[in-house]
Amino acid sequence: MSDKSDLKAELERKKQRLAQIREEKKRKEEERKKKEADLQQKKEPAQEDSDLDRKRRETEALLQSIGISPEPPLVPTPMSPSSKSVSTPSDAGSQDSGDLGPIGR
């Protein structure tokens, strides 16, 4: 009889353990769903980006209405120091080659 009661007790322990495992699995699933919901809420700030785009368009329209072009010019303005320094050596190089021409004759 003791063997039978031992088996029943072991079966009860296993049932309790199985119930604990199921509860933990259920709890983890709920946490996972909560995290997914939080991630979706974090994706909603993307709508704020569209709000930013809307504000940008409104600003551009306002600037255009007063005659200011909101877009940068298509051709970049040349930088004076770099363009002078770049053109000067090429001019000097062509002058030097011109000087060497008569010497070589």
N, C-alpha and C. Protein backbone atom coordinates (compact mmCIF):
# COMPACT_ATOMS: atom_id res chain seq x y z
N MET A 1 0.82 -1.19 0.00
CA MET A 1 0.00 0.00 0.00
C MET A 1 0.86 1.26 0.00
N SER A 2 2.00 1.19 0.66
CA SER A 2 2.86 2.37 0.72
C SER A 2 3.38 2.71 -0.67
N ASP A 3 3.61 1.68 -1.50
CA ASP A 3 4.07 1.94 -2.86
C ASP A 3 3.00 2.71 -3.64
N LYS A 4 1.75 2.32 -3.40
CA LYS A 4 0.66 2.97 -4.11
C LYS A 4 0.52 4.42 -3.65
N SER A 5 0.65 4.68 -2.38
CA SER A 5 0.54 6.06 -1.88
C SER A 5 1.74 6.89 -2.33
N ASP A 6 2.92 6.25 -2.41
CA ASP A 6 4.11 6.95 -2.91
C ASP A 6 3.91 7.36 -4.38
N LEU A 7 3.34 6.44 -5.15
CA LEU A 7 3.10 6.74 -6.56
C LEU A 7 2.09 7.89 -6.71
N LYS A 8 1.05 7.87 -5.87
CA LYS A 8 0.05 8.94 -5.92
C LYS A 8 0.68 10.28 -5.53
N ALA A 9 1.52 10.27 -4.52
CA ALA A 9 2.19 11.49 -4.08
C ALA A 9 3.12 12.02 -5.18
N GLU A 10 3.85 11.12 -5.83
CA GLU A 10 4.75 11.51 -6.91
C GLU A 10 3.95 12.09 -8.08
N LEU A 11 2.82 11.46 -8.37
CA LEU A 11 1.96 11.95 -9.44
C LEU A 11 1.44 13.36 -9.12
N GLU A 12 1.08 13.59 -7.88
CA GLU A 12 0.61 14.92 -7.46
C GLU A 12 1.72 15.95 -7.61
N ARG A 13 2.94 15.58 -7.20
CA ARG A 13 4.08 16.50 -7.34
C ARG A 13 4.32 16.84 -8.81
N LYS A 14 4.22 15.84 -9.66
CA LYS A 14 4.43 16.06 -11.09
C LYS A 14 3.33 16.96 -11.66
N LYS A 15 2.10 16.77 -11.21
CA LYS A 15 1.00 17.62 -11.66
C LYS A 15 1.22 19.07 -11.23
N GLN A 16 1.68 19.24 -10.00
CA GLN A 16 1.95 20.59 -9.51
C GLN A 16 3.08 21.25 -10.31
N ARG A 17 4.11 20.47 -10.58
CA ARG A 17 5.25 20.99 -11.35
C ARG A 17 4.80 21.38 -12.76
N LEU A 18 3.97 20.55 -13.37
CA LEU A 18 3.45 20.84 -14.69
C LEU A 18 2.60 22.11 -14.67
N ALA A 19 1.81 22.29 -13.63
CA ALA A 19 0.99 23.50 -13.50
C ALA A 19 1.89 24.73 -13.37
N GLN A 20 2.99 24.60 -12.61
CA GLN A 20 3.94 25.72 -12.47
C GLN A 20 4.57 26.07 -13.82
N ILE A 21 4.96 25.05 -14.56
CA ILE A 21 5.58 25.28 -15.87
C ILE A 21 4.60 25.98 -16.80
N ARG A 22 3.34 25.53 -16.78
CA ARG A 22 2.33 26.16 -17.63
C ARG A 22 2.09 27.61 -17.25
N GLU A 23 2.06 27.90 -15.95
CA GLU A 23 1.86 29.27 -15.49
C GLU A 23 3.03 30.17 -15.91
N GLU A 24 4.23 29.65 -15.79
CA GLU A 24 5.40 30.43 -16.18
C GLU A 24 5.40 30.68 -17.69
N LYS A 25 5.02 29.67 -18.45
CA LYS A 25 4.95 29.83 -19.90
C LYS A 25 3.91 30.89 -20.26
N LYS A 26 2.77 30.86 -19.57
CA LYS A 26 1.72 31.83 -19.81
C LYS A 26 2.19 33.24 -19.46
N ARG A 27 2.91 33.37 -18.35
CA ARG A 27 3.42 34.67 -17.91
C ARG A 27 4.42 35.22 -18.92
N LYS A 28 5.32 34.36 -19.42
CA LYS A 28 6.31 34.79 -20.41
C LYS A 28 5.63 35.23 -21.71
N GLU A 29 4.59 34.53 -22.10
CA GLU A 29 3.86 34.89 -23.31
C GLU A 29 3.20 36.26 -23.15
N GLU A 30 2.64 36.52 -21.97
CA GLU A 30 2.03 37.82 -21.71
C GLU A 30 3.08 38.93 -21.74
N GLU A 31 4.26 38.67 -21.18
CA GLU A 31 5.35 39.65 -21.21
C GLU A 31 5.78 39.94 -22.64
N ARG A 32 5.86 38.88 -23.45
CA ARG A 32 6.26 39.05 -24.85
C ARG A 32 5.24 39.92 -25.59
N LYS A 33 3.96 39.65 -25.35
CA LYS A 33 2.91 40.44 -26.00
C LYS A 33 2.97 41.90 -25.55
N LYS A 34 3.27 42.11 -24.27
CA LYS A 34 3.37 43.47 -23.75
C LYS A 34 4.54 44.19 -24.41
N LYS A 35 5.66 43.51 -24.58
CA LYS A 35 6.82 44.12 -25.24
C LYS A 35 6.50 44.47 -26.69
N GLU A 36 5.77 43.60 -27.38
CA GLU A 36 5.37 43.88 -28.76
C GLU A 36 4.48 45.11 -28.81
N ALA A 37 3.57 45.23 -27.85
CA ALA A 37 2.68 46.39 -27.80
C ALA A 37 3.49 47.66 -27.55
N ASP A 38 4.50 47.57 -26.68
CA ASP A 38 5.36 48.73 -26.41
C ASP A 38 6.14 49.13 -27.66
N LEU A 39 6.61 48.13 -28.41
CA LEU A 39 7.35 48.43 -29.64
C LEU A 39 6.45 49.12 -30.66
N GLN A 40 5.20 48.71 -30.73
CA GLN A 40 4.27 49.35 -31.66
C GLN A 40 4.01 50.79 -31.24
N GLN A 41 3.98 51.04 -29.95
CA GLN A 41 3.79 52.41 -29.47
C GLN A 41 5.01 53.25 -29.80
N LYS A 42 6.19 52.63 -29.80
CA LYS A 42 7.40 53.36 -30.15
C LYS A 42 7.44 53.67 -31.64
N LYS A 43 6.76 52.87 -32.44
CA LYS A 43 6.71 53.12 -33.88
C LYS A 43 5.80 54.29 -34.19
N GLU A 44 4.91 54.64 -33.30
CA GLU A 44 4.01 55.76 -33.53
C GLU A 44 4.74 57.09 -33.66
N PRO A 45 5.90 57.30 -33.03
CA PRO A 45 6.63 58.55 -33.28
C PRO A 45 6.97 58.75 -34.74
N ALA A 46 6.90 57.73 -35.55
CA ALA A 46 7.10 57.90 -36.99
C ALA A 46 6.03 58.85 -37.53
N GLN A 47 4.88 58.87 -36.91
CA GLN A 47 3.85 59.81 -37.30
C GLN A 47 4.30 61.23 -36.97
N GLU A 48 5.11 61.39 -35.93
CA GLU A 48 5.66 62.69 -35.61
C GLU A 48 6.59 63.14 -36.73
N ASP A 49 7.28 62.20 -37.36
CA ASP A 49 8.12 62.55 -38.49
C ASP A 49 7.27 63.12 -39.61
N SER A 50 6.12 62.50 -39.84
CA SER A 50 5.24 63.04 -40.87
C SER A 50 4.74 64.42 -40.45
N ASP A 51 4.57 64.63 -39.16
CA ASP A 51 4.20 65.94 -38.66
C ASP A 51 5.33 66.93 -38.94
N LEU A 52 6.56 66.48 -38.77
CA LEU A 52 7.72 67.31 -39.08
C LEU A 52 7.75 67.65 -40.56
N ASP A 53 7.46 66.66 -41.40
CA ASP A 53 7.42 66.91 -42.84
C ASP A 53 6.32 67.93 -43.18
N ARG A 54 5.19 67.79 -42.52
CA ARG A 54 4.09 68.73 -42.76
C ARG A 54 4.51 70.15 -42.38
N LYS A 55 5.17 70.28 -41.24
CA LYS A 55 5.64 71.60 -40.80
C LYS A 55 6.69 72.15 -41.76
N ARG A 56 7.54 71.27 -42.27
CA ARG A 56 8.56 71.70 -43.22
C ARG A 56 7.91 72.23 -44.49
N ARG A 57 6.89 71.52 -44.98
CA ARG A 57 6.19 71.98 -46.18
C ARG A 57 5.50 73.32 -45.95
N GLU A 58 4.89 73.46 -44.77
CA GLU A 58 4.23 74.73 -44.45
C GLU A 58 5.24 75.87 -44.41
N THR A 59 6.40 75.60 -43.84
CA THR A 59 7.45 76.62 -43.76
C THR A 59 7.94 76.99 -45.15
N GLU A 60 8.15 75.99 -45.99
CA GLU A 60 8.60 76.26 -47.36
C GLU A 60 7.56 77.09 -48.11
N ALA A 61 6.29 76.77 -47.93
CA ALA A 61 5.23 77.53 -48.60
C ALA A 61 5.22 78.97 -48.11
N LEU A 62 5.42 79.16 -46.81
CA LEU A 62 5.46 80.50 -46.25
C LEU A 62 6.65 81.29 -46.80
N LEU A 63 7.79 80.65 -46.87
CA LEU A 63 8.98 81.31 -47.42
C LEU A 63 8.78 81.68 -48.88
N GLN A 64 8.17 80.79 -49.64
CA GLN A 64 7.92 81.07 -51.05
C GLN A 64 6.94 82.23 -51.21
N SER A 65 5.97 82.31 -50.31
CA SER A 65 4.98 83.38 -50.42
C SER A 65 5.60 84.75 -50.20
N ILE A 66 6.72 84.82 -49.47
CA ILE A 66 7.38 86.11 -49.27
C ILE A 66 8.58 86.28 -50.20
N GLY A 67 8.76 85.32 -51.11
CA GLY A 67 9.79 85.47 -52.14
C GLY A 67 11.14 84.87 -51.80
N ILE A 68 11.21 84.03 -50.79
CA ILE A 68 12.48 83.39 -50.43
C ILE A 68 12.43 81.94 -50.88
N SER A 69 13.45 81.53 -51.61
CA SER A 69 13.51 80.15 -52.07
C SER A 69 14.01 79.27 -50.94
N PRO A 70 13.22 78.31 -50.48
CA PRO A 70 13.65 77.46 -49.37
C PRO A 70 14.67 76.41 -49.77
N GLU A 71 14.77 76.12 -51.06
CA GLU A 71 15.70 75.09 -51.51
C GLU A 71 17.07 75.71 -51.75
N PRO A 72 18.13 74.97 -51.49
CA PRO A 72 19.47 75.49 -51.76
C PRO A 72 19.67 75.61 -53.26
N PRO A 73 20.57 76.49 -53.71
CA PRO A 73 20.81 76.62 -55.14
C PRO A 73 21.36 75.32 -55.72
N LEU A 74 21.03 75.06 -56.98
CA LEU A 74 21.46 73.82 -57.61
C LEU A 74 22.97 73.80 -57.83
N VAL A 75 23.57 74.96 -58.14
CA VAL A 75 25.01 75.03 -58.36
C VAL A 75 25.64 75.57 -57.08
N PRO A 76 26.54 74.82 -56.48
CA PRO A 76 27.16 75.30 -55.25
C PRO A 76 28.04 76.51 -55.53
N THR A 77 28.06 77.43 -54.60
CA THR A 77 28.89 78.61 -54.77
C THR A 77 30.35 78.22 -54.60
N PRO A 78 31.24 78.69 -55.50
CA PRO A 78 32.65 78.31 -55.39
C PRO A 78 33.27 78.99 -54.18
N MET A 79 34.15 78.27 -53.54
CA MET A 79 34.84 78.81 -52.38
C MET A 79 36.04 79.61 -52.88
N SER A 80 36.14 80.85 -52.51
CA SER A 80 37.17 81.74 -53.02
C SER A 80 38.58 81.25 -52.71
N PRO A 81 38.92 80.91 -51.46
CA PRO A 81 40.31 80.51 -51.19
C PRO A 81 40.72 79.26 -51.96
N SER A 82 39.87 78.26 -52.02
CA SER A 82 40.27 77.02 -52.69
C SER A 82 40.33 77.21 -54.20
N SER A 83 39.39 77.99 -54.77
CA SER A 83 39.40 78.17 -56.22
C SER A 83 40.61 79.00 -56.64
N LYS A 84 41.00 79.99 -55.85
CA LYS A 84 42.18 80.80 -56.19
C LYS A 84 43.44 79.97 -56.06
N SER A 85 43.53 79.19 -55.00
CA SER A 85 44.74 78.41 -54.80
C SER A 85 44.86 77.32 -55.86
N VAL A 86 43.73 76.80 -56.32
CA VAL A 86 43.77 75.77 -57.35
C VAL A 86 44.12 76.38 -58.69
N SER A 87 43.55 77.55 -59.02
CA SER A 87 43.81 78.15 -60.32
C SER A 87 45.21 78.76 -60.39
N THR A 88 45.73 79.26 -59.29
CA THR A 88 47.05 79.90 -59.30
C THR A 88 48.15 78.93 -59.69
N PRO A 89 48.23 77.73 -59.10
CA PRO A 89 49.31 76.82 -59.52
C PRO A 89 49.18 76.41 -60.98
N SER A 90 47.96 76.24 -61.47
CA SER A 90 47.82 75.84 -62.87
C SER A 90 48.26 76.97 -63.79
N ASP A 91 47.96 78.23 -63.42
CA ASP A 91 48.42 79.37 -64.21
C ASP A 91 49.94 79.46 -64.15
N ALA A 92 50.48 79.28 -62.96
CA ALA A 92 51.93 79.36 -62.80
C ALA A 92 52.58 78.23 -63.56
N GLY A 93 51.98 77.07 -63.57
CA GLY A 93 52.54 75.93 -64.29
C GLY A 93 52.56 76.19 -65.78
N SER A 94 51.51 76.81 -66.30
CA SER A 94 51.48 77.09 -67.73
C SER A 94 52.50 78.16 -68.08
N GLN A 95 52.71 79.12 -67.18
CA GLN A 95 53.71 80.15 -67.43
C GLN A 95 55.11 79.56 -67.39
N ASP A 96 55.32 78.65 -66.44
CA ASP A 96 56.63 78.01 -66.35
C ASP A 96 56.92 77.21 -67.60
N SER A 97 55.92 76.49 -68.09
CA SER A 97 56.15 75.69 -69.29
C SER A 97 56.40 76.59 -70.48
N GLY A 98 55.77 77.78 -70.50
CA GLY A 98 56.00 78.74 -71.57
C GLY A 98 57.42 79.29 -71.50
N ASP A 99 57.93 79.47 -70.29
CA ASP A 99 59.29 79.97 -70.13
C ASP A 99 60.31 78.93 -70.56
N LEU A 100 59.98 77.67 -70.31
CA LEU A 100 60.91 76.61 -70.66
C LEU A 100 60.96 76.40 -72.17
N GLY A 101 59.89 76.74 -72.85
CA GLY A 101 59.84 76.56 -74.30
C GLY A 101 60.92 77.35 -75.02
N PRO A 102 61.05 78.66 -74.78
CA PRO A 102 62.09 79.42 -75.48
C PRO A 102 63.50 79.01 -75.06
N ILE A 103 63.66 78.57 -73.82
CA ILE A 103 64.99 78.16 -73.36
C ILE A 103 65.40 76.89 -74.09
N GLY A 104 64.46 76.03 -74.32
CA GLY A 104 64.75 74.77 -74.99
C GLY A 104 65.11 74.98 -76.45
N ARG A 105 64.75 76.08 -77.08
CA ARG A 105 65.04 76.31 -78.50
C ARG A 105 66.45 76.56 -78.67
